[in-house]
Amino acid sequence: MRYSIGVGSINPTKVSGVRRALKLYFKDFDLVPVHVDNCVGPQPIGFEEVLLGARCRAKNVFSSRRDFFLGVGLEAGIVDIGNRYFVLQVCCIRNSSGEEFFGMSSAFEAPKRVVDEVVLGMFSELEEAVVKYSGIRDIGDREGLIGLLSGGRVVREDLSFQATLMALINLFSRDILD
């Protein structure tokens, strides 16, 4: 059986990370990128906003096409923990019955100076501030801030993969301990 799965993003790194994770569970599928609203604006700040953004993206995938087997929503955001800023991704996978399964990537500490400018409203999203300091245009569609900071050892696609894989584990293991 060939599955049709929608992902609520047209960002190439998110789509690629989702595809990598899905290949571990599905042999035959079509992944369809869909431009959707995330309900939280360009830069979610705080874990609740990041989670809401992922949930909204997954739900909105079905607004574009009702015949998807699954809708995948990924949201990257900034979380303040003890006056330190961390960047992570949350994935929500929603099935056609409305059940939701969540996963999260590893998180990394972002430079305070850069994030402060976003939090203070000088930039509408982290990517804009990173471009200012790095000069790398469209970094969010490529390696991301994590790729810049890690020297390419970890890239944004890896975080998308991790978050999606964690949500898939939840989806496919839901009956194990019930």
Protein backbone atom coordinates (compact mmCIF):
# COMPACT_ATOMS: atom_id res chain seq x y z
CA MET A 1 0.00 0.00 0.00
CA ARG A 2 1.28 3.47 -0.89
CA TYR A 3 0.71 6.09 1.80
CA SER A 4 0.16 9.77 1.14
CA ILE A 5 1.64 11.87 3.94
CA GLY A 6 1.49 15.65 4.15
CA VAL A 7 4.09 17.77 5.89
CA GLY A 8 3.11 21.27 6.95
CA SER A 9 6.18 23.02 5.60
CA ILE A 10 7.89 23.83 2.33
CA ASN A 11 11.25 24.33 4.08
CA PRO A 12 13.62 21.88 2.34
CA THR A 13 15.51 20.94 5.51
CA LYS A 14 12.31 20.09 7.39
CA VAL A 15 10.93 18.10 4.46
CA SER A 16 14.19 16.18 4.09
CA GLY A 17 14.38 15.38 7.81
CA VAL A 18 10.79 14.13 7.83
CA ARG A 19 11.46 11.99 4.75
CA ARG A 20 14.52 10.39 6.42
CA ALA A 21 12.48 9.45 9.49
CA LEU A 22 9.51 8.14 7.52
CA LYS A 23 11.79 5.83 5.52
CA LEU A 24 12.49 3.94 8.74
CA TYR A 25 8.79 3.05 9.09
CA PHE A 26 7.26 3.17 5.60
CA LYS A 27 8.46 1.36 2.48
CA ASP A 28 6.16 3.09 0.02
CA PHE A 29 4.97 6.66 0.57
CA ASP A 30 4.57 10.05 -1.06
CA LEU A 31 5.57 13.03 1.06
CA VAL A 32 3.71 16.17 0.04
CA PRO A 33 5.01 19.53 1.33
CA VAL A 34 2.13 21.91 2.11
CA HIS A 35 2.41 25.60 2.98
CA VAL A 36 0.28 26.03 6.13
CA ASP A 37 -0.23 28.53 8.92
CA ASN A 38 1.49 27.64 12.19
CA CYS A 39 -0.91 29.72 14.34
CA VAL A 40 1.95 31.21 16.39
CA GLY A 41 3.78 33.57 14.06
CA PRO A 42 7.25 33.54 12.57
CA GLN A 43 9.19 32.80 15.77
CA PRO A 44 7.63 30.72 18.54
CA ILE A 45 9.11 31.49 21.93
CA GLY A 46 8.42 29.17 24.84
CA PHE A 47 7.73 25.45 24.78
CA GLU A 48 3.94 25.86 24.68
CA GLU A 49 4.13 28.03 21.55
CA VAL A 50 6.50 25.61 19.82
CA LEU A 51 4.20 22.68 20.63
CA LEU A 52 1.14 24.65 19.48
CA GLY A 53 2.89 25.52 16.22
CA ALA A 54 3.67 21.87 15.48
CA ARG A 55 0.12 20.81 16.37
CA CYS A 56 -1.42 23.54 14.21
CA ARG A 57 0.76 22.66 11.22
CA ALA A 58 -0.18 18.97 11.46
CA LYS A 59 -3.86 19.80 11.72
CA ASN A 60 -3.75 22.32 8.87
CA VAL A 61 -2.19 19.79 6.51
CA PHE A 62 -5.60 18.11 6.38
CA SER A 63 -7.24 21.41 5.40
CA SER A 64 -5.36 21.30 2.12
CA ARG A 65 -6.19 17.69 1.33
CA ARG A 66 -8.38 15.32 3.33
CA ASP A 67 -7.03 12.07 1.91
CA PHE A 68 -3.65 12.18 3.69
CA PHE A 69 -2.87 9.12 5.79
CA LEU A 70 -0.86 11.32 8.18
CA GLY A 71 -0.17 15.00 8.64
CA VAL A 72 3.21 16.02 10.01
CA GLY A 73 3.84 19.37 11.67
CA LEU A 74 7.31 20.54 12.66
CA GLU A 75 8.00 23.71 14.57
CA ALA A 76 11.35 25.12 15.58
CA GLY A 77 11.45 27.53 18.46
CA ILE A 78 13.26 29.14 21.34
CA VAL A 79 12.85 27.97 24.92
CA ASP A 80 14.14 29.94 27.91
CA ILE A 81 15.50 27.66 30.62
CA GLY A 82 17.18 29.39 33.54
CA ASN A 83 17.94 32.56 31.53
CA ARG A 84 19.60 30.52 28.82
CA TYR A 85 18.03 30.17 25.38
CA PHE A 86 17.72 26.79 23.73
CA VAL A 87 16.56 26.02 20.20
CA LEU A 88 14.67 22.81 19.49
CA GLN A 89 12.09 21.32 17.18
CA VAL A 90 8.80 19.70 18.08
CA CYS A 91 6.98 17.33 15.76
CA CYS A 92 3.29 16.49 15.83
CA ILE A 93 2.01 13.64 13.71
CA ARG A 94 -1.75 13.58 13.31
CA ASN A 95 -3.73 10.78 11.76
CA SER A 96 -6.99 11.16 9.87
CA SER A 97 -8.92 10.30 13.07
CA GLY A 98 -7.39 13.30 14.85
CA GLU A 99 -5.05 11.35 17.14
CA GLU A 100 -1.79 13.19 17.76
CA PHE A 101 1.69 11.89 18.52
CA PHE A 102 4.53 14.17 19.59
CA GLY A 103 8.29 14.07 19.49
CA MET A 104 11.08 16.50 20.14
CA SER A 105 14.63 16.98 18.90
CA SER A 106 17.68 17.50 21.01
CA ALA A 107 18.14 21.14 21.97
CA PHE A 108 21.17 23.38 21.75
CA GLU A 109 22.01 26.62 23.48
CA ALA A 110 21.81 29.62 21.16
CA PRO A 111 23.98 32.72 21.60
CA LYS A 112 22.19 34.99 24.08
CA ARG A 113 23.10 38.16 22.20
CA VAL A 114 21.41 36.88 19.02
CA VAL A 115 18.28 35.58 20.74
CA ASP A 116 17.92 38.72 22.87
CA GLU A 117 17.44 40.73 19.69
CA VAL A 118 14.58 38.43 18.66
CA VAL A 119 12.98 38.45 22.11
CA LEU A 120 13.21 42.26 22.24
CA GLY A 121 11.47 42.50 18.85
CA MET A 122 14.42 43.77 16.81
CA PHE A 123 13.91 40.80 14.47
CA SER A 124 10.75 38.81 13.78
CA GLU A 125 12.58 35.48 13.74
CA LEU A 126 15.89 33.94 14.73
CA GLU A 127 17.02 33.43 11.12
CA GLU A 128 17.02 37.20 10.52
CA ALA A 129 19.30 37.79 13.51
CA VAL A 130 21.61 34.95 12.45
CA VAL A 131 21.88 36.42 8.95
CA LYS A 132 22.86 39.77 10.48
CA TYR A 133 25.75 38.24 12.42
CA SER A 134 26.84 35.52 9.99
CA GLY A 135 26.06 37.05 6.59
CA ILE A 136 24.67 33.67 5.45
CA ARG A 137 21.39 34.24 3.62
CA ASP A 138 18.60 31.65 3.82
CA ILE A 139 20.47 29.75 6.52
CA GLY A 140 17.16 28.37 7.83
CA ASP A 141 16.59 26.60 4.50
CA ARG A 142 20.02 24.99 4.71
CA GLU A 143 22.21 24.10 7.69
CA GLY A 144 20.47 26.37 10.19
CA LEU A 145 22.02 28.00 13.23
CA ILE A 146 22.97 24.55 14.57
CA GLY A 147 24.99 23.89 11.41
CA LEU A 148 26.80 27.20 11.78
CA LEU A 149 27.58 26.65 15.47
CA SER A 150 28.61 22.99 15.05
CA GLY A 151 30.72 23.51 11.97
CA GLY A 152 28.33 21.30 10.00
CA ARG A 153 28.58 18.36 12.42
CA VAL A 154 24.86 18.70 13.16
CA VAL A 155 22.51 20.48 10.76
CA ARG A 156 18.90 21.58 10.89
CA GLU A 157 17.75 18.54 8.93
CA ASP A 158 19.11 16.35 11.75
CA LEU A 159 16.86 18.09 14.29
CA SER A 160 13.85 17.65 12.00
CA PHE A 161 14.74 13.97 11.65
CA GLN A 162 15.09 13.52 15.42
CA ALA A 163 11.79 15.20 16.27
CA THR A 164 9.91 13.25 13.59
CA LEU A 165 11.48 9.95 14.62
CA MET A 166 10.48 10.52 18.25
CA ALA A 167 6.87 11.18 17.18
CA LEU A 168 6.89 8.07 14.97
CA ILE A 169 8.11 5.97 17.91
CA ASN A 170 5.13 7.24 19.88
CA LEU A 171 2.75 6.48 16.99
CA PHE A 172 3.98 2.96 16.35
CA SER A 173 4.48 1.90 19.98
CA ARG A 174 1.23 3.20 21.45
CA ASP A 175 -0.12 -0.32 22.12
CA ILE A 176 3.00 -1.73 23.75
CA LEU A 177 2.35 -0.58 27.31
CA ASP A 178 -1.41 0.02 27.16
